[in-house]
N, C-alpha and C. Protein backbone atom coordinates (compact mmCIF):
# COMPACT_ATOMS: atom_id res chain seq x y z
N MET A 1 40.59 4.31 53.61
CA MET A 1 41.04 4.07 54.96
C MET A 1 42.49 4.51 55.14
N VAL A 2 43.26 4.50 54.03
CA VAL A 2 44.64 4.93 54.11
C VAL A 2 44.72 6.40 54.53
N TRP A 3 43.85 7.23 53.97
CA TRP A 3 43.86 8.65 54.31
C TRP A 3 43.53 8.85 55.79
N LEU A 4 42.64 8.04 56.34
CA LEU A 4 42.27 8.13 57.74
C LEU A 4 43.45 7.74 58.62
N ASN A 5 44.18 6.71 58.20
CA ASN A 5 45.37 6.27 58.90
C ASN A 5 46.41 7.39 58.93
N ALA A 6 46.65 8.03 57.77
CA ALA A 6 47.64 9.10 57.71
C ALA A 6 47.19 10.32 58.52
N LYS A 7 45.91 10.66 58.40
CA LYS A 7 45.38 11.84 59.09
C LYS A 7 45.51 11.71 60.60
N ASN A 8 45.24 10.51 61.12
CA ASN A 8 45.26 10.30 62.58
C ASN A 8 46.60 9.79 63.09
N GLY A 9 47.55 9.55 62.18
CA GLY A 9 48.87 9.10 62.61
C GLY A 9 48.88 7.74 63.28
N TRP A 10 48.02 6.83 62.83
CA TRP A 10 47.93 5.51 63.46
C TRP A 10 49.14 4.63 63.14
N GLY A 11 49.77 4.86 62.03
CA GLY A 11 50.96 4.09 61.67
C GLY A 11 50.67 2.65 61.24
N ILE A 12 49.47 2.38 60.77
CA ILE A 12 49.13 1.04 60.32
C ILE A 12 49.67 0.87 58.91
N GLN A 13 50.36 -0.25 58.67
CA GLN A 13 50.92 -0.50 57.36
C GLN A 13 49.79 -0.64 56.32
N VAL A 14 50.03 -0.12 55.13
CA VAL A 14 49.01 -0.12 54.08
C VAL A 14 48.55 -1.53 53.74
N SER A 15 49.46 -2.49 53.74
CA SER A 15 49.06 -3.87 53.43
C SER A 15 48.11 -4.43 54.49
N THR A 16 48.25 -3.99 55.73
CA THR A 16 47.33 -4.40 56.79
C THR A 16 45.94 -3.82 56.55
N ILE A 17 45.90 -2.56 56.16
CA ILE A 17 44.61 -1.92 55.85
C ILE A 17 43.95 -2.64 54.68
N ARG A 18 44.76 -2.99 53.69
CA ARG A 18 44.24 -3.71 52.52
C ARG A 18 43.66 -5.07 52.94
N GLY A 19 44.34 -5.75 53.85
CA GLY A 19 43.86 -7.04 54.35
C GLY A 19 42.55 -6.92 55.11
N ILE A 20 42.42 -5.88 55.91
CA ILE A 20 41.17 -5.64 56.64
C ILE A 20 40.03 -5.42 55.67
N GLY A 21 40.29 -4.64 54.63
CA GLY A 21 39.28 -4.40 53.60
C GLY A 21 38.85 -5.70 52.93
N GLY A 22 39.81 -6.56 52.67
CA GLY A 22 39.51 -7.86 52.07
C GLY A 22 38.66 -8.73 52.99
N LEU A 23 38.96 -8.70 54.27
CA LEU A 23 38.17 -9.48 55.23
C LEU A 23 36.74 -8.96 55.34
N LEU A 24 36.58 -7.66 55.20
CA LEU A 24 35.23 -7.08 55.26
C LEU A 24 34.37 -7.50 54.06
N SER A 25 35.02 -7.88 52.97
CA SER A 25 34.25 -8.30 51.79
C SER A 25 33.61 -9.68 51.99
N ILE A 26 34.13 -10.48 52.90
CA ILE A 26 33.61 -11.84 53.10
C ILE A 26 32.16 -11.82 53.60
N PRO A 27 31.83 -11.09 54.67
CA PRO A 27 30.42 -11.09 55.08
C PRO A 27 29.50 -10.47 54.04
N ILE A 28 30.00 -9.51 53.28
CA ILE A 28 29.17 -8.91 52.23
C ILE A 28 28.85 -9.95 51.17
N GLN A 29 29.86 -10.71 50.76
CA GLN A 29 29.63 -11.77 49.77
C GLN A 29 28.71 -12.85 50.34
N ALA A 30 28.88 -13.18 51.60
CA ALA A 30 28.04 -14.20 52.24
C ALA A 30 26.57 -13.76 52.25
N ILE A 31 26.32 -12.51 52.54
CA ILE A 31 24.95 -11.99 52.54
C ILE A 31 24.36 -12.08 51.14
N GLY A 32 25.14 -11.73 50.14
CA GLY A 32 24.67 -11.81 48.76
C GLY A 32 24.34 -13.23 48.34
N ILE A 33 25.18 -14.17 48.72
CA ILE A 33 24.94 -15.58 48.39
C ILE A 33 23.70 -16.08 49.12
N TYR A 34 23.58 -15.74 50.39
CA TYR A 34 22.41 -16.15 51.17
C TYR A 34 21.13 -15.62 50.55
N MET A 35 21.14 -14.33 50.18
CA MET A 35 19.95 -13.72 49.59
C MET A 35 19.60 -14.36 48.26
N ALA A 36 20.60 -14.68 47.45
CA ALA A 36 20.35 -15.32 46.16
C ALA A 36 19.77 -16.72 46.36
N MET A 37 20.28 -17.45 47.34
CA MET A 37 19.74 -18.79 47.62
C MET A 37 18.30 -18.70 48.13
N GLN A 38 18.05 -17.75 49.00
CA GLN A 38 16.68 -17.56 49.52
C GLN A 38 15.73 -17.21 48.38
N ASN A 39 16.16 -16.34 47.48
CA ASN A 39 15.33 -15.95 46.35
C ASN A 39 15.06 -17.14 45.43
N THR A 40 16.07 -17.94 45.18
CA THR A 40 15.90 -19.14 44.34
C THR A 40 14.93 -20.11 45.00
N LYS A 41 15.06 -20.26 46.29
CA LYS A 41 14.17 -21.15 47.04
C LYS A 41 12.73 -20.65 46.95
N LYS A 42 12.55 -19.35 47.08
CA LYS A 42 11.22 -18.76 47.02
C LYS A 42 10.61 -18.92 45.62
N LEU A 43 11.42 -18.72 44.60
CA LEU A 43 10.93 -18.81 43.22
C LEU A 43 10.59 -20.24 42.80
N THR A 44 11.39 -21.20 43.26
CA THR A 44 11.20 -22.59 42.83
C THR A 44 10.36 -23.41 43.81
N GLY A 45 10.17 -22.91 45.00
CA GLY A 45 9.38 -23.63 46.00
C GLY A 45 10.18 -24.61 46.82
N ALA A 46 11.33 -25.02 46.32
CA ALA A 46 12.22 -25.93 47.04
C ALA A 46 13.64 -25.67 46.56
N LEU A 47 14.59 -26.07 47.37
CA LEU A 47 15.98 -25.83 47.00
C LEU A 47 16.83 -27.03 47.41
N SER A 48 17.31 -27.76 46.42
CA SER A 48 18.22 -28.88 46.71
C SER A 48 19.60 -28.31 47.02
N TYR A 49 20.43 -29.15 47.61
CA TYR A 49 21.80 -28.70 47.93
C TYR A 49 22.56 -28.36 46.65
N SER A 50 22.39 -29.16 45.61
CA SER A 50 23.11 -28.88 44.36
C SER A 50 22.64 -27.58 43.73
N ARG A 51 21.36 -27.29 43.80
CA ARG A 51 20.82 -26.04 43.26
C ARG A 51 21.31 -24.85 44.10
N ALA A 52 21.37 -25.03 45.41
CA ALA A 52 21.88 -23.97 46.28
C ALA A 52 23.35 -23.70 45.96
N LEU A 53 24.12 -24.76 45.77
CA LEU A 53 25.54 -24.62 45.44
C LEU A 53 25.71 -23.93 44.08
N LYS A 54 24.91 -24.32 43.11
CA LYS A 54 24.97 -23.70 41.79
C LYS A 54 24.64 -22.20 41.88
N THR A 55 23.63 -21.87 42.65
CA THR A 55 23.24 -20.46 42.83
C THR A 55 24.39 -19.68 43.47
N GLY A 56 24.97 -20.24 44.50
CA GLY A 56 26.10 -19.58 45.18
C GLY A 56 27.29 -19.40 44.26
N LEU A 57 27.55 -20.39 43.42
CA LEU A 57 28.69 -20.29 42.51
C LEU A 57 28.46 -19.26 41.41
N ILE A 58 27.22 -19.10 41.00
CA ILE A 58 26.91 -18.05 40.02
C ILE A 58 27.17 -16.67 40.64
N VAL A 59 26.75 -16.50 41.88
CA VAL A 59 27.00 -15.24 42.58
C VAL A 59 28.51 -15.04 42.75
N ALA A 60 29.22 -16.08 43.18
CA ALA A 60 30.66 -15.98 43.39
C ALA A 60 31.40 -15.62 42.10
N ALA A 61 31.02 -16.26 41.00
CA ALA A 61 31.67 -15.97 39.71
C ALA A 61 31.37 -14.53 39.28
N THR A 62 30.15 -14.09 39.49
CA THR A 62 29.78 -12.72 39.13
C THR A 62 30.58 -11.72 39.96
N VAL A 63 30.68 -11.97 41.24
CA VAL A 63 31.44 -11.08 42.11
C VAL A 63 32.92 -11.08 41.70
N ALA A 64 33.46 -12.25 41.43
CA ALA A 64 34.87 -12.36 41.04
C ALA A 64 35.15 -11.54 39.78
N VAL A 65 34.29 -11.65 38.78
CA VAL A 65 34.48 -10.91 37.53
C VAL A 65 34.36 -9.41 37.78
N MET A 66 33.39 -9.02 38.60
CA MET A 66 33.21 -7.59 38.89
C MET A 66 34.41 -7.01 39.65
N VAL A 67 34.91 -7.75 40.63
CA VAL A 67 36.07 -7.27 41.40
C VAL A 67 37.31 -7.23 40.51
N ALA A 68 37.47 -8.23 39.64
CA ALA A 68 38.60 -8.23 38.71
C ALA A 68 38.53 -7.04 37.76
N ALA A 69 37.33 -6.77 37.25
CA ALA A 69 37.15 -5.62 36.35
C ALA A 69 37.47 -4.31 37.09
N PHE A 70 37.01 -4.20 38.33
CA PHE A 70 37.32 -3.00 39.10
C PHE A 70 38.82 -2.90 39.35
N SER A 71 39.49 -4.03 39.58
CA SER A 71 40.94 -4.02 39.79
C SER A 71 41.66 -3.46 38.57
N ILE A 72 41.21 -3.86 37.39
CA ILE A 72 41.82 -3.33 36.16
C ILE A 72 41.62 -1.83 36.08
N ILE A 73 40.39 -1.40 36.31
CA ILE A 73 40.08 0.03 36.25
C ILE A 73 40.87 0.80 37.30
N TYR A 74 40.92 0.26 38.51
CA TYR A 74 41.62 0.94 39.60
C TYR A 74 43.11 1.07 39.31
N CYS A 75 43.73 -0.04 38.90
CA CYS A 75 45.18 -0.06 38.71
C CYS A 75 45.64 0.66 37.44
N THR A 76 44.76 0.83 36.47
CA THR A 76 45.18 1.47 35.22
C THR A 76 44.65 2.89 35.05
N ILE A 77 43.48 3.19 35.60
CA ILE A 77 42.88 4.51 35.37
C ILE A 77 42.82 5.34 36.65
N ILE A 78 42.22 4.78 37.70
CA ILE A 78 42.01 5.55 38.93
C ILE A 78 43.32 5.81 39.67
N ASN A 79 44.14 4.77 39.82
CA ASN A 79 45.39 4.89 40.57
C ASN A 79 46.51 4.14 39.86
N PRO A 80 46.99 4.66 38.74
CA PRO A 80 48.02 3.94 37.99
C PRO A 80 49.34 3.78 38.76
N GLY A 81 49.55 4.53 39.81
CA GLY A 81 50.76 4.40 40.62
C GLY A 81 50.60 3.45 41.79
N TYR A 82 49.53 2.66 41.80
CA TYR A 82 49.22 1.78 42.94
C TYR A 82 50.37 0.82 43.25
N ALA A 83 50.87 0.11 42.24
CA ALA A 83 51.93 -0.88 42.48
C ALA A 83 53.18 -0.21 43.04
N GLU A 84 53.54 0.91 42.48
CA GLU A 84 54.71 1.64 42.96
C GLU A 84 54.53 2.10 44.40
N PHE A 85 53.32 2.58 44.72
CA PHE A 85 53.01 3.00 46.09
C PHE A 85 53.16 1.83 47.07
N MET A 86 52.64 0.67 46.68
CA MET A 86 52.71 -0.50 47.56
C MET A 86 54.16 -0.96 47.74
N VAL A 87 54.97 -0.88 46.69
CA VAL A 87 56.38 -1.24 46.79
C VAL A 87 57.09 -0.30 47.76
N LYS A 88 56.85 1.00 47.62
CA LYS A 88 57.48 1.97 48.51
C LYS A 88 57.06 1.76 49.96
N ASP A 89 55.79 1.43 50.17
CA ASP A 89 55.31 1.17 51.53
C ASP A 89 55.98 -0.07 52.11
N ALA A 90 56.11 -1.10 51.29
CA ALA A 90 56.78 -2.33 51.74
C ALA A 90 58.26 -2.05 52.04
N GLN A 91 58.89 -1.22 51.22
CA GLN A 91 60.29 -0.88 51.46
C GLN A 91 60.47 -0.15 52.78
N LYS A 92 59.54 0.74 53.09
CA LYS A 92 59.60 1.44 54.38
C LYS A 92 59.55 0.45 55.54
N ALA A 93 58.65 -0.53 55.41
CA ALA A 93 58.52 -1.55 56.47
C ALA A 93 59.79 -2.40 56.56
N MET A 94 60.41 -2.71 55.42
CA MET A 94 61.64 -3.50 55.42
C MET A 94 62.78 -2.71 56.05
N ILE A 95 62.87 -1.43 55.74
CA ILE A 95 63.91 -0.58 56.34
C ILE A 95 63.72 -0.52 57.85
N ALA A 96 62.47 -0.34 58.27
CA ALA A 96 62.17 -0.27 59.71
C ALA A 96 62.50 -1.56 60.43
N SER A 97 62.40 -2.70 59.71
CA SER A 97 62.71 -3.98 60.36
C SER A 97 64.20 -4.32 60.29
N GLY A 98 64.99 -3.44 59.67
CA GLY A 98 66.44 -3.62 59.67
C GLY A 98 66.98 -4.52 58.56
N LYS A 99 66.25 -4.70 57.50
CA LYS A 99 66.74 -5.54 56.40
C LYS A 99 67.83 -4.81 55.64
N SER A 100 68.72 -5.60 55.04
CA SER A 100 69.81 -5.02 54.26
C SER A 100 69.27 -4.51 52.92
N GLN A 101 70.07 -3.67 52.27
CA GLN A 101 69.65 -3.12 50.97
C GLN A 101 69.47 -4.24 49.95
N GLN A 102 70.31 -5.26 50.02
CA GLN A 102 70.19 -6.39 49.09
C GLN A 102 68.86 -7.12 49.32
N GLN A 103 68.49 -7.36 50.57
CA GLN A 103 67.21 -8.01 50.89
C GLN A 103 66.04 -7.15 50.42
N ILE A 104 66.15 -5.84 50.64
CA ILE A 104 65.09 -4.92 50.23
C ILE A 104 64.92 -4.97 48.71
N ASN A 105 66.04 -4.95 47.99
CA ASN A 105 65.98 -5.01 46.52
C ASN A 105 65.33 -6.30 46.04
N GLN A 106 65.72 -7.43 46.63
CA GLN A 106 65.17 -8.72 46.23
C GLN A 106 63.67 -8.81 46.53
N GLU A 107 63.30 -8.43 47.73
CA GLU A 107 61.90 -8.52 48.13
C GLU A 107 61.02 -7.50 47.39
N SER A 108 61.61 -6.39 46.99
CA SER A 108 60.86 -5.38 46.25
C SER A 108 60.40 -5.90 44.90
N VAL A 109 61.21 -6.76 44.28
CA VAL A 109 60.83 -7.36 43.00
C VAL A 109 59.57 -8.21 43.19
N ALA A 110 59.56 -9.01 44.25
CA ALA A 110 58.39 -9.86 44.53
C ALA A 110 57.16 -9.02 44.85
N VAL A 111 57.34 -7.95 45.60
CA VAL A 111 56.22 -7.07 45.95
C VAL A 111 55.67 -6.40 44.69
N ALA A 112 56.56 -5.97 43.80
CA ALA A 112 56.11 -5.34 42.55
C ALA A 112 55.30 -6.31 41.71
N GLN A 113 55.73 -7.57 41.67
CA GLN A 113 54.97 -8.59 40.93
C GLN A 113 53.61 -8.83 41.59
N GLN A 114 53.60 -8.91 42.91
CA GLN A 114 52.36 -9.16 43.64
C GLN A 114 51.33 -8.07 43.40
N PHE A 115 51.76 -6.84 43.28
CA PHE A 115 50.82 -5.73 43.13
C PHE A 115 50.68 -5.24 41.70
N SER A 116 51.19 -6.01 40.75
CA SER A 116 50.99 -5.65 39.35
C SER A 116 49.51 -5.81 39.01
N THR A 117 49.07 -5.16 37.95
CA THR A 117 47.67 -5.22 37.55
C THR A 117 47.24 -6.65 37.27
N GLY A 118 48.06 -7.38 36.54
CA GLY A 118 47.73 -8.78 36.22
C GLY A 118 47.55 -9.64 37.46
N MET A 119 48.43 -9.48 38.42
CA MET A 119 48.32 -10.28 39.64
C MET A 119 47.12 -9.85 40.47
N GLN A 120 46.81 -8.56 40.48
CA GLN A 120 45.64 -8.08 41.21
C GLN A 120 44.36 -8.68 40.62
N VAL A 121 44.31 -8.74 39.29
CA VAL A 121 43.15 -9.33 38.62
C VAL A 121 43.06 -10.81 38.94
N MET A 122 44.17 -11.52 38.86
CA MET A 122 44.18 -12.96 39.14
C MET A 122 43.77 -13.24 40.59
N MET A 123 44.29 -12.45 41.52
CA MET A 123 43.94 -12.66 42.93
C MET A 123 42.47 -12.37 43.16
N ALA A 124 41.92 -11.38 42.47
CA ALA A 124 40.49 -11.08 42.60
C ALA A 124 39.66 -12.24 42.09
N LEU A 125 40.00 -12.74 40.91
CA LEU A 125 39.24 -13.86 40.33
C LEU A 125 39.29 -15.09 41.22
N VAL A 126 40.48 -15.50 41.58
CA VAL A 126 40.65 -16.73 42.36
C VAL A 126 40.13 -16.54 43.78
N GLY A 127 40.52 -15.44 44.41
CA GLY A 127 40.13 -15.22 45.81
C GLY A 127 38.63 -15.09 46.01
N GLN A 128 38.00 -14.28 45.20
CA GLN A 128 36.56 -14.09 45.34
C GLN A 128 35.79 -15.36 45.00
N PHE A 129 36.22 -16.07 43.95
CA PHE A 129 35.51 -17.30 43.59
C PHE A 129 35.69 -18.37 44.66
N PHE A 130 36.92 -18.54 45.15
CA PHE A 130 37.17 -19.55 46.18
C PHE A 130 36.41 -19.23 47.47
N THR A 131 36.42 -17.97 47.86
CA THR A 131 35.67 -17.56 49.05
C THR A 131 34.18 -17.84 48.86
N GLY A 132 33.66 -17.49 47.68
CA GLY A 132 32.25 -17.76 47.39
C GLY A 132 31.93 -19.24 47.39
N LEU A 133 32.86 -20.06 46.90
CA LEU A 133 32.66 -21.51 46.92
C LEU A 133 32.51 -22.03 48.35
N ILE A 134 33.42 -21.63 49.21
CA ILE A 134 33.37 -22.07 50.61
C ILE A 134 32.08 -21.59 51.28
N ILE A 135 31.75 -20.33 51.06
CA ILE A 135 30.51 -19.78 51.64
C ILE A 135 29.30 -20.56 51.13
N SER A 136 29.28 -20.84 49.83
CA SER A 136 28.15 -21.57 49.23
C SER A 136 28.03 -22.98 49.80
N LEU A 137 29.15 -23.65 49.97
CA LEU A 137 29.12 -25.00 50.54
C LEU A 137 28.52 -25.00 51.94
N ILE A 138 28.83 -23.99 52.71
CA ILE A 138 28.34 -23.92 54.10
C ILE A 138 26.88 -23.47 54.14
N ILE A 139 26.57 -22.34 53.51
CA ILE A 139 25.21 -21.81 53.57
C ILE A 139 24.22 -22.77 52.93
N GLY A 140 24.64 -23.42 51.84
CA GLY A 140 23.77 -24.38 51.16
C GLY A 140 23.28 -25.49 52.07
N LEU A 141 24.12 -25.90 53.01
CA LEU A 141 23.73 -26.95 53.95
C LEU A 141 22.55 -26.51 54.83
N PHE A 142 22.54 -25.25 55.17
CA PHE A 142 21.51 -24.75 56.09
C PHE A 142 20.25 -24.26 55.40
N ILE A 143 20.39 -23.85 54.16
CA ILE A 143 19.25 -23.23 53.49
C ILE A 143 18.47 -24.20 52.60
N LYS A 144 19.07 -25.32 52.28
CA LYS A 144 18.38 -26.27 51.39
C LYS A 144 17.08 -26.75 52.02
N THR A 145 16.14 -27.10 51.16
CA THR A 145 14.89 -27.62 51.63
C THR A 145 15.13 -29.03 52.17
N LYS A 146 14.58 -29.31 53.31
CA LYS A 146 14.75 -30.65 53.89
C LYS A 146 14.12 -31.71 52.98
N ASN A 147 14.66 -32.89 52.99
CA ASN A 147 14.19 -34.02 52.20
C ASN A 147 14.38 -33.85 50.69
N THR A 148 15.38 -33.06 50.30
CA THR A 148 15.76 -32.99 48.89
C THR A 148 17.22 -33.39 48.79
N GLN A 149 17.65 -33.68 47.61
CA GLN A 149 19.03 -34.13 47.40
C GLN A 149 19.99 -32.99 47.53
């Protein structure tokens, strides 16, 4: 999406594009959790809330591990300059907003830490699992078989 932004001159900050991409992953994960719960219900004949929650958490954990693994591959092999690119993009935004060089230097350190490979992996693990947990708690209420625990 970054290339599309540059090609069309939209001027959308890269971190905004990244956030939109993250938001788009939520319905995809929700569909996966829903389908897994439906499949479990079909296979077992009934689905308690606890079983629905367990199924959703298995999907969430699997997704979290897969996204974390992709983050490692992306940040180290596919785009090893990712963190540096994000820092430079953030610096451009800080310059445009009129921040002093001292503020830019200080905030750049935090941005570099945020986009380091380790932090990207941690955010993938925690973010995807937490999102999956919330989705599972909600969908489980609607998909569970009535009159079960």
